[in-house]
Amino acid sequence: MKKTAFSLLILLITSVTVLNSCKKGDPGPAGEDGNANVTSTDPILIPAKSWTLDSNVWLTNFPVPAITGDIASKGMVQVYIKYGSQWWALPDINNGNATSYGFTMGKVFLFNANDDGSVPLAPLALTFRVVAISPSGGRAMNPDVDLKDYEAVKKYYHLKD
């Protein structure tokens, strides 16, 4: 019994000493402004071999964990394709070839087809970027943002490259 009481006393003294010796440090510098309602992916390179021809449409898909169930059902997703140093919003028609997209929770689907219904040439390696917008950050809450202009979206939502 004496051994148990002594052990408990030592445990109590140790706990009080450890807990009282911890102190809160100085606050760190403020973080950069961001937007919890909007997420942008890093550029995503889709290699040419990732596309599959289905009838007269080339298809591929890739994971985007930022597209939550809430975003998929009530939010917005905008996909951009990079031509040179510029980002262009999808859907895009370039010389009769259309690239469009669809999405579901956690995934984006890309479609590449000719606008006249003929079989298009196989897509080359292409770079895409996805912006996922929660229901509270969407069009109704921010009607002035031009979702077709990636630079405007980046500036408006404080997105980082």
N, C-alpha and C. Protein backbone atom coordinates (compact mmCIF):
# COMPACT_ATOMS: atom_id res chain seq x y z
N MET A 1 0.82 -1.20 0.00
CA MET A 1 0.00 0.00 0.00
C MET A 1 0.86 1.25 0.00
N LYS A 2 1.96 1.23 0.86
CA LYS A 2 2.83 2.39 0.92
C LYS A 2 3.50 2.62 -0.44
N LYS A 3 3.85 1.52 -1.12
CA LYS A 3 4.51 1.62 -2.42
C LYS A 3 3.57 2.25 -3.46
N THR A 4 2.27 1.88 -3.44
CA THR A 4 1.29 2.43 -4.37
C THR A 4 1.06 3.92 -4.09
N ALA A 5 0.94 4.29 -2.81
CA ALA A 5 0.73 5.69 -2.45
C ALA A 5 1.94 6.52 -2.84
N PHE A 6 3.14 5.97 -2.62
CA PHE A 6 4.36 6.68 -2.98
C PHE A 6 4.44 6.86 -4.51
N SER A 7 4.07 5.83 -5.26
CA SER A 7 4.07 5.91 -6.73
C SER A 7 3.08 6.96 -7.23
N LEU A 8 1.92 6.99 -6.62
CA LEU A 8 0.92 7.99 -7.01
C LEU A 8 1.40 9.40 -6.69
N LEU A 9 2.09 9.57 -5.55
CA LEU A 9 2.61 10.87 -5.17
C LEU A 9 3.67 11.32 -6.17
N ILE A 10 4.57 10.42 -6.55
CA ILE A 10 5.60 10.76 -7.54
C ILE A 10 4.95 11.12 -8.88
N LEU A 11 3.93 10.34 -9.29
CA LEU A 11 3.23 10.62 -10.54
C LEU A 11 2.56 12.00 -10.50
N LEU A 12 1.95 12.33 -9.37
CA LEU A 12 1.29 13.63 -9.21
C LEU A 12 2.30 14.77 -9.28
N ILE A 13 3.42 14.63 -8.59
CA ILE A 13 4.46 15.67 -8.60
C ILE A 13 5.03 15.85 -10.00
N THR A 14 5.29 14.73 -10.69
CA THR A 14 5.82 14.79 -12.05
C THR A 14 4.83 15.46 -12.99
N SER A 15 3.56 15.11 -12.88
CA SER A 15 2.54 15.70 -13.75
C SER A 15 2.42 17.20 -13.53
N VAL A 16 2.41 17.63 -12.27
CA VAL A 16 2.29 19.05 -11.96
C VAL A 16 3.52 19.80 -12.49
N THR A 17 4.69 19.22 -12.32
CA THR A 17 5.93 19.86 -12.79
C THR A 17 5.93 20.00 -14.31
N VAL A 18 5.57 18.92 -15.01
CA VAL A 18 5.56 18.95 -16.48
C VAL A 18 4.52 19.93 -17.00
N LEU A 19 3.33 19.88 -16.45
CA LEU A 19 2.27 20.76 -16.93
C LEU A 19 2.55 22.23 -16.64
N ASN A 20 3.18 22.53 -15.51
CA ASN A 20 3.47 23.92 -15.18
C ASN A 20 4.69 24.45 -15.90
N SER A 21 5.57 23.55 -16.36
CA SER A 21 6.77 24.02 -17.05
C SER A 21 6.50 24.34 -18.52
N CYS A 22 5.37 23.88 -19.07
CA CYS A 22 5.02 24.18 -20.46
C CYS A 22 4.39 25.55 -20.52
N LYS A 23 4.88 26.38 -21.42
CA LYS A 23 4.24 27.67 -21.58
C LYS A 23 4.06 27.94 -23.06
N LYS A 24 3.10 28.76 -23.35
CA LYS A 24 2.78 29.10 -24.72
C LYS A 24 3.82 30.07 -25.26
N GLY A 25 4.25 29.82 -26.48
CA GLY A 25 5.24 30.69 -27.10
C GLY A 25 4.61 31.92 -27.71
N ASP A 26 5.45 32.76 -28.30
CA ASP A 26 4.96 33.95 -28.98
C ASP A 26 4.21 33.55 -30.23
N PRO A 27 3.18 34.31 -30.61
CA PRO A 27 2.46 33.98 -31.84
C PRO A 27 3.36 34.17 -33.06
N GLY A 28 3.14 33.34 -34.05
CA GLY A 28 3.91 33.43 -35.29
C GLY A 28 3.35 34.51 -36.19
N PRO A 29 4.02 34.73 -37.32
CA PRO A 29 3.53 35.74 -38.25
C PRO A 29 2.22 35.31 -38.89
N ALA A 30 1.45 36.28 -39.32
CA ALA A 30 0.16 35.99 -39.97
C ALA A 30 0.42 35.25 -41.28
N GLY A 31 -0.45 34.30 -41.59
CA GLY A 31 -0.35 33.55 -42.84
C GLY A 31 -0.89 34.37 -44.00
N GLU A 32 -0.66 33.86 -45.21
CA GLU A 32 -1.16 34.54 -46.40
C GLU A 32 -2.66 34.39 -46.50
N ASP A 33 -3.30 35.39 -47.10
CA ASP A 33 -4.73 35.31 -47.33
C ASP A 33 -5.03 34.19 -48.31
N GLY A 34 -6.11 33.52 -48.11
CA GLY A 34 -6.53 32.45 -49.00
C GLY A 34 -8.04 32.41 -49.05
N ASN A 35 -8.58 31.33 -49.55
CA ASN A 35 -10.02 31.20 -49.62
C ASN A 35 -10.37 29.75 -49.36
N ALA A 36 -10.97 29.47 -48.22
CA ALA A 36 -11.31 28.10 -47.85
C ALA A 36 -12.41 27.52 -48.72
N ASN A 37 -13.12 28.37 -49.47
CA ASN A 37 -14.23 27.91 -50.29
C ASN A 37 -13.80 27.49 -51.69
N VAL A 38 -12.55 27.75 -52.05
CA VAL A 38 -12.08 27.51 -53.42
C VAL A 38 -10.72 26.83 -53.39
N THR A 39 -10.56 25.79 -54.20
CA THR A 39 -9.29 25.07 -54.28
C THR A 39 -8.87 24.98 -55.74
N SER A 40 -7.59 25.24 -55.99
CA SER A 40 -7.04 25.09 -57.34
C SER A 40 -5.96 24.02 -57.31
N THR A 41 -5.97 23.15 -58.29
CA THR A 41 -4.92 22.14 -58.37
C THR A 41 -3.66 22.76 -58.96
N ASP A 42 -2.56 22.08 -58.77
CA ASP A 42 -1.35 22.39 -59.52
C ASP A 42 -1.64 21.98 -60.95
N PRO A 43 -0.83 22.44 -61.91
CA PRO A 43 -1.02 21.97 -63.28
C PRO A 43 -0.91 20.44 -63.35
N ILE A 44 -1.81 19.84 -64.11
CA ILE A 44 -1.87 18.38 -64.24
C ILE A 44 -1.56 18.02 -65.69
N LEU A 45 -0.43 17.35 -65.91
CA LEU A 45 -0.05 16.93 -67.26
C LEU A 45 -0.70 15.59 -67.56
N ILE A 46 -1.50 15.55 -68.61
CA ILE A 46 -2.13 14.31 -69.06
C ILE A 46 -1.33 13.82 -70.26
N PRO A 47 -0.59 12.71 -70.11
CA PRO A 47 0.21 12.21 -71.23
C PRO A 47 -0.67 11.72 -72.38
N ALA A 48 -0.12 11.75 -73.58
CA ALA A 48 -0.86 11.31 -74.77
C ALA A 48 -1.37 9.88 -74.60
N LYS A 49 -0.60 9.02 -73.95
CA LYS A 49 -0.99 7.61 -73.81
C LYS A 49 -2.17 7.41 -72.84
N SER A 50 -2.56 8.45 -72.11
CA SER A 50 -3.67 8.34 -71.15
C SER A 50 -5.04 8.39 -71.82
N TRP A 51 -5.10 8.86 -73.07
CA TRP A 51 -6.36 9.00 -73.77
C TRP A 51 -6.77 7.68 -74.41
N THR A 52 -8.06 7.36 -74.38
CA THR A 52 -8.60 6.15 -75.00
C THR A 52 -9.67 6.55 -76.01
N LEU A 53 -9.59 5.97 -77.21
CA LEU A 53 -10.59 6.27 -78.24
C LEU A 53 -11.82 5.40 -78.03
N ASP A 54 -12.98 6.03 -77.92
CA ASP A 54 -14.26 5.34 -77.78
C ASP A 54 -15.16 5.86 -78.89
N SER A 55 -15.32 5.07 -79.94
CA SER A 55 -16.07 5.47 -81.13
C SER A 55 -15.35 6.64 -81.79
N ASN A 56 -15.88 7.84 -81.68
CA ASN A 56 -15.23 8.98 -82.30
C ASN A 56 -14.86 10.06 -81.26
N VAL A 57 -14.68 9.64 -80.01
CA VAL A 57 -14.33 10.56 -78.93
C VAL A 57 -13.14 9.99 -78.14
N TRP A 58 -12.15 10.84 -77.89
CA TRP A 58 -11.05 10.47 -77.02
C TRP A 58 -11.44 10.80 -75.58
N LEU A 59 -11.18 9.87 -74.65
CA LEU A 59 -11.58 10.02 -73.25
C LEU A 59 -10.39 9.80 -72.31
N THR A 60 -10.40 10.49 -71.21
CA THR A 60 -9.46 10.22 -70.12
C THR A 60 -10.09 10.76 -68.84
N ASN A 61 -9.52 10.41 -67.73
CA ASN A 61 -9.97 10.96 -66.44
C ASN A 61 -8.79 10.97 -65.48
N PHE A 62 -8.92 11.75 -64.44
CA PHE A 62 -7.87 11.82 -63.42
C PHE A 62 -8.50 12.23 -62.09
N PRO A 63 -7.85 11.83 -60.99
CA PRO A 63 -8.40 12.14 -59.67
C PRO A 63 -8.19 13.60 -59.29
N VAL A 64 -9.20 14.16 -58.63
CA VAL A 64 -9.11 15.51 -58.05
C VAL A 64 -9.79 15.43 -56.68
N PRO A 65 -9.01 15.10 -55.65
CA PRO A 65 -9.59 14.94 -54.31
C PRO A 65 -10.34 16.18 -53.80
N ALA A 66 -10.01 17.35 -54.31
CA ALA A 66 -10.68 18.59 -53.86
C ALA A 66 -12.16 18.62 -54.23
N ILE A 67 -12.58 17.78 -55.18
CA ILE A 67 -14.00 17.74 -55.56
C ILE A 67 -14.71 16.83 -54.56
N THR A 68 -15.21 17.44 -53.52
CA THR A 68 -15.92 16.70 -52.48
C THR A 68 -17.35 16.39 -52.94
N GLY A 69 -18.06 15.61 -52.17
CA GLY A 69 -19.46 15.32 -52.47
C GLY A 69 -20.29 16.59 -52.50
N ASP A 70 -20.02 17.51 -51.58
CA ASP A 70 -20.75 18.77 -51.51
C ASP A 70 -20.49 19.61 -52.77
N ILE A 71 -19.24 19.67 -53.20
CA ILE A 71 -18.91 20.43 -54.40
C ILE A 71 -19.51 19.75 -55.63
N ALA A 72 -19.43 18.42 -55.70
CA ALA A 72 -19.97 17.70 -56.86
C ALA A 72 -21.48 17.88 -56.98
N SER A 73 -22.17 17.94 -55.85
CA SER A 73 -23.63 18.03 -55.92
C SER A 73 -24.17 19.45 -55.94
N LYS A 74 -23.47 20.40 -55.28
CA LYS A 74 -24.02 21.76 -55.18
C LYS A 74 -23.04 22.87 -55.53
N GLY A 75 -21.77 22.52 -55.71
CA GLY A 75 -20.75 23.54 -55.98
C GLY A 75 -20.48 23.68 -57.46
N MET A 76 -19.28 24.16 -57.77
CA MET A 76 -18.89 24.38 -59.16
C MET A 76 -17.48 23.84 -59.38
N VAL A 77 -17.23 23.36 -60.58
CA VAL A 77 -15.90 22.93 -60.98
C VAL A 77 -15.62 23.55 -62.34
N GLN A 78 -14.48 24.20 -62.46
CA GLN A 78 -14.06 24.78 -63.73
C GLN A 78 -12.71 24.17 -64.08
N VAL A 79 -12.55 23.74 -65.33
CA VAL A 79 -11.31 23.14 -65.80
C VAL A 79 -10.72 24.06 -66.87
N TYR A 80 -9.41 24.22 -66.80
CA TYR A 80 -8.69 25.07 -67.75
C TYR A 80 -7.64 24.23 -68.46
N ILE A 81 -7.37 24.56 -69.72
CA ILE A 81 -6.33 23.91 -70.51
C ILE A 81 -5.26 24.96 -70.80
N LYS A 82 -4.01 24.52 -70.82
CA LYS A 82 -2.92 25.46 -71.05
C LYS A 82 -2.45 25.39 -72.49
N TYR A 83 -2.47 26.55 -73.15
CA TYR A 83 -1.92 26.71 -74.50
C TYR A 83 -0.76 27.70 -74.36
N GLY A 84 0.47 27.24 -74.56
CA GLY A 84 1.63 28.11 -74.36
C GLY A 84 1.71 28.50 -72.89
N SER A 85 1.63 29.80 -72.62
CA SER A 85 1.67 30.25 -71.22
C SER A 85 0.30 30.70 -70.72
N GLN A 86 -0.74 30.51 -71.53
CA GLN A 86 -2.09 30.98 -71.19
C GLN A 86 -3.01 29.83 -70.80
N TRP A 87 -3.89 30.09 -69.84
CA TRP A 87 -4.91 29.13 -69.43
C TRP A 87 -6.23 29.52 -70.09
N TRP A 88 -6.89 28.53 -70.73
CA TRP A 88 -8.17 28.74 -71.39
C TRP A 88 -9.22 27.85 -70.73
N ALA A 89 -10.40 28.40 -70.50
CA ALA A 89 -11.48 27.65 -69.87
C ALA A 89 -12.05 26.61 -70.83
N LEU A 90 -12.39 25.46 -70.28
CA LEU A 90 -13.13 24.45 -71.04
C LEU A 90 -14.62 24.68 -70.81
N PRO A 91 -15.47 24.33 -71.74
CA PRO A 91 -15.16 23.69 -73.02
C PRO A 91 -14.46 24.66 -73.96
N ASP A 92 -13.65 24.07 -74.86
CA ASP A 92 -12.86 24.85 -75.79
C ASP A 92 -12.95 24.22 -77.17
N ILE A 93 -13.14 25.05 -78.18
CA ILE A 93 -13.11 24.55 -79.56
C ILE A 93 -11.94 25.24 -80.25
N ASN A 94 -11.03 24.42 -80.78
CA ASN A 94 -9.82 24.92 -81.40
C ASN A 94 -9.67 24.26 -82.77
N ASN A 95 -9.88 25.02 -83.83
CA ASN A 95 -9.79 24.48 -85.21
C ASN A 95 -10.71 23.28 -85.42
N GLY A 96 -11.92 23.36 -84.94
CA GLY A 96 -12.89 22.29 -85.13
C GLY A 96 -12.76 21.11 -84.19
N ASN A 97 -11.81 21.18 -83.25
CA ASN A 97 -11.63 20.12 -82.26
C ASN A 97 -12.05 20.65 -80.91
N ALA A 98 -12.98 19.94 -80.26
CA ALA A 98 -13.54 20.39 -78.99
C ALA A 98 -13.02 19.55 -77.83
N THR A 99 -12.63 20.22 -76.75
CA THR A 99 -12.27 19.55 -75.50
C THR A 99 -13.26 20.03 -74.45
N SER A 100 -13.91 19.09 -73.80
CA SER A 100 -14.88 19.43 -72.76
C SER A 100 -14.63 18.53 -71.56
N TYR A 101 -15.41 18.71 -70.52
CA TYR A 101 -15.19 17.95 -69.29
C TYR A 101 -16.49 17.68 -68.56
N GLY A 102 -16.40 16.73 -67.66
CA GLY A 102 -17.45 16.43 -66.71
C GLY A 102 -16.76 16.09 -65.40
N PHE A 103 -17.50 15.96 -64.33
CA PHE A 103 -16.88 15.64 -63.05
C PHE A 103 -17.85 14.90 -62.15
N THR A 104 -17.28 14.23 -61.21
CA THR A 104 -18.02 13.58 -60.14
C THR A 104 -17.15 13.72 -58.89
N MET A 105 -17.62 13.26 -57.77
CA MET A 105 -16.84 13.38 -56.55
C MET A 105 -15.45 12.76 -56.76
N GLY A 106 -14.42 13.57 -56.59
CA GLY A 106 -13.05 13.09 -56.64
C GLY A 106 -12.46 12.85 -58.01
N LYS A 107 -13.17 13.19 -59.08
CA LYS A 107 -12.66 12.85 -60.42
C LYS A 107 -13.15 13.82 -61.48
N VAL A 108 -12.27 14.07 -62.47
CA VAL A 108 -12.62 14.86 -63.65
C VAL A 108 -12.49 13.96 -64.87
N PHE A 109 -13.44 14.08 -65.79
CA PHE A 109 -13.45 13.33 -67.05
C PHE A 109 -13.25 14.33 -68.18
N LEU A 110 -12.36 14.00 -69.13
CA LEU A 110 -12.12 14.86 -70.28
C LEU A 110 -12.57 14.15 -71.55
N PHE A 111 -13.13 14.94 -72.47
CA PHE A 111 -13.64 14.44 -73.74
C PHE A 111 -13.02 15.28 -74.85
N ASN A 112 -12.53 14.63 -75.89
CA ASN A 112 -11.95 15.34 -77.03
C ASN A 112 -12.57 14.80 -78.30
N ALA A 113 -13.22 15.67 -79.06
CA ALA A 113 -13.94 15.23 -80.27
C ALA A 113 -13.90 16.33 -81.32
N ASN A 114 -14.10 15.94 -82.56
CA ASN A 114 -14.23 16.92 -83.63
C ASN A 114 -15.67 17.41 -83.67
N ASP A 115 -15.85 18.70 -83.96
CA ASP A 115 -17.20 19.26 -83.97
C ASP A 115 -18.05 18.76 -85.13
N ASP A 116 -17.43 18.13 -86.14
CA ASP A 116 -18.22 17.59 -87.26
C ASP A 116 -18.53 16.10 -87.10
N GLY A 117 -18.15 15.51 -85.96
CA GLY A 117 -18.45 14.10 -85.70
C GLY A 117 -17.42 13.13 -86.25
N SER A 118 -16.42 13.61 -86.98
CA SER A 118 -15.37 12.72 -87.49
C SER A 118 -14.42 12.32 -86.36
N VAL A 119 -13.63 11.30 -86.61
CA VAL A 119 -12.68 10.83 -85.60
C VAL A 119 -11.50 11.81 -85.52
N PRO A 120 -11.26 12.37 -84.34
CA PRO A 120 -10.16 13.32 -84.21
C PRO A 120 -8.81 12.62 -84.12
N LEU A 121 -7.76 13.37 -84.39
CA LEU A 121 -6.43 12.86 -84.14
C LEU A 121 -6.27 12.64 -82.64
N ALA A 122 -5.40 11.71 -82.27
CA ALA A 122 -5.16 11.46 -80.84
C ALA A 122 -4.60 12.71 -80.17
N PRO A 123 -5.12 13.08 -79.01
CA PRO A 123 -4.59 14.25 -78.30
C PRO A 123 -3.13 14.03 -77.91
N LEU A 124 -2.38 15.09 -77.94
CA LEU A 124 -1.00 15.06 -77.46
C LEU A 124 -1.03 15.21 -75.94
N ALA A 125 0.14 15.26 -75.33
CA ALA A 125 0.20 15.55 -73.90
C ALA A 125 -0.35 16.96 -73.68
N LEU A 126 -1.28 17.10 -72.78
CA LEU A 126 -1.93 18.39 -72.52
C LEU A 126 -1.90 18.67 -71.02
N THR A 127 -1.87 19.94 -70.67
CA THR A 127 -1.82 20.35 -69.27
C THR A 127 -3.14 21.01 -68.89
N PHE A 128 -3.67 20.60 -67.73
CA PHE A 128 -4.95 21.11 -67.25
C PHE A 128 -4.78 21.61 -65.81
N ARG A 129 -5.73 22.41 -65.40
CA ARG A 129 -5.81 22.89 -64.02
C ARG A 129 -7.28 22.88 -63.66
N VAL A 130 -7.59 22.49 -62.42
CA VAL A 130 -8.97 22.39 -61.97
C VAL A 130 -9.19 23.35 -60.79
N VAL A 131 -10.29 24.08 -60.83
CA VAL A 131 -10.69 24.93 -59.72
C VAL A 131 -12.02 24.39 -59.20
N ALA A 132 -12.02 23.99 -57.93
CA ALA A 132 -13.22 23.46 -57.28
C ALA A 132 -13.76 24.52 -56.32
N ILE A 133 -15.03 24.88 -56.48
CA ILE A 133 -15.64 25.96 -55.71
C ILE A 133 -16.80 25.41 -54.90
N SER A 134 -16.74 25.61 -53.58
CA SER A 134 -17.81 25.13 -52.71
C SER A 134 -19.10 25.89 -53.00
N PRO A 135 -20.24 25.36 -52.56
CA PRO A 135 -21.51 26.07 -52.79
C PRO A 135 -21.49 27.51 -52.25
N SER A 136 -20.80 27.74 -51.14
CA SER A 136 -20.79 29.10 -50.56
C SER A 136 -19.86 30.04 -51.32
N GLY A 137 -19.00 29.51 -52.19
CA GLY A 137 -18.10 30.38 -52.95
C GLY A 137 -18.49 30.52 -54.41
N GLY A 138 -19.63 29.97 -54.80
CA GLY A 138 -20.02 29.87 -56.20
C GLY A 138 -20.57 31.13 -56.83
N ARG A 139 -21.13 30.96 -58.00
CA ARG A 139 -21.61 32.04 -58.87
C ARG A 139 -22.63 32.94 -58.16
N ALA A 140 -23.57 32.36 -57.43
CA ALA A 140 -24.60 33.17 -56.78
C ALA A 140 -24.00 34.11 -55.74
N MET A 141 -22.96 33.65 -55.06
CA MET A 141 -22.32 34.47 -54.03
C MET A 141 -21.30 35.45 -54.63
N ASN A 142 -20.81 35.15 -55.83
CA ASN A 142 -19.77 35.96 -56.46
C ASN A 142 -20.07 36.17 -57.94
N PRO A 143 -21.14 36.89 -58.26
CA PRO A 143 -21.57 37.00 -59.66
C PRO A 143 -20.62 37.79 -60.55
N ASP A 144 -19.70 38.55 -59.96
CA ASP A 144 -18.83 39.41 -60.76
C ASP A 144 -17.56 38.72 -61.26
N VAL A 145 -17.27 37.54 -60.77
CA VAL A 145 -16.03 36.87 -61.20
C VAL A 145 -16.26 36.18 -62.54
N ASP A 146 -15.32 36.36 -63.47
CA ASP A 146 -15.40 35.76 -64.80
C ASP A 146 -14.73 34.39 -64.75
N LEU A 147 -15.51 33.33 -64.63
CA LEU A 147 -14.97 31.97 -64.50
C LEU A 147 -14.25 31.49 -65.76
N LYS A 148 -14.44 32.16 -66.88
CA LYS A 148 -13.76 31.78 -68.12
C LYS A 148 -12.31 32.27 -68.14
N ASP A 149 -11.99 33.20 -67.26
CA ASP A 149 -10.66 33.81 -67.22
C ASP A 149 -9.92 33.33 -65.97
N TYR A 150 -8.97 32.38 -66.16
CA TYR A 150 -8.27 31.80 -65.00
C TYR A 150 -7.56 32.88 -64.19
N GLU A 151 -6.93 33.84 -64.83
CA GLU A 151 -6.21 34.90 -64.10
C GLU A 151 -7.18 35.70 -63.22
N ALA A 152 -8.39 35.97 -63.72
CA ALA A 152 -9.39 36.69 -62.93
C ALA A 152 -9.86 35.83 -61.75
N VAL A 153 -10.05 34.54 -61.98
CA VAL A 153 -10.45 33.62 -60.91
C VAL A 153 -9.35 33.55 -59.85
N LYS A 154 -8.12 33.40 -60.31
CA LYS A 154 -6.97 33.33 -59.39
C LYS A 154 -6.89 34.58 -58.52
N LYS A 155 -7.04 35.74 -59.14
CA LYS A 155 -6.98 36.99 -58.39
C LYS A 155 -8.16 37.14 -57.43
N TYR A 156 -9.36 36.88 -57.92
CA TYR A 156 -10.56 37.06 -57.11
C TYR A 156 -10.58 36.15 -55.87
N TYR A 157 -10.19 34.88 -56.07
CA TYR A 157 -10.23 33.92 -54.97
C TYR A 157 -8.89 33.77 -54.24
N HIS A 158 -7.91 34.60 -54.58
CA HIS A 158 -6.59 34.57 -53.94
C HIS A 158 -5.94 33.19 -54.07
N LEU A 159 -5.96 32.62 -55.27
CA LEU A 159 -5.35 31.31 -55.48
C LEU A 159 -3.86 31.47 -55.75
N LYS A 160 -3.10 30.47 -55.34
CA LYS A 160 -1.65 30.48 -55.53
C LYS A 160 -1.29 29.49 -56.63
N ASP A 161 -0.32 29.86 -57.45
CA ASP A 161 0.17 28.93 -58.49
C ASP A 161 1.11 27.92 -57.88
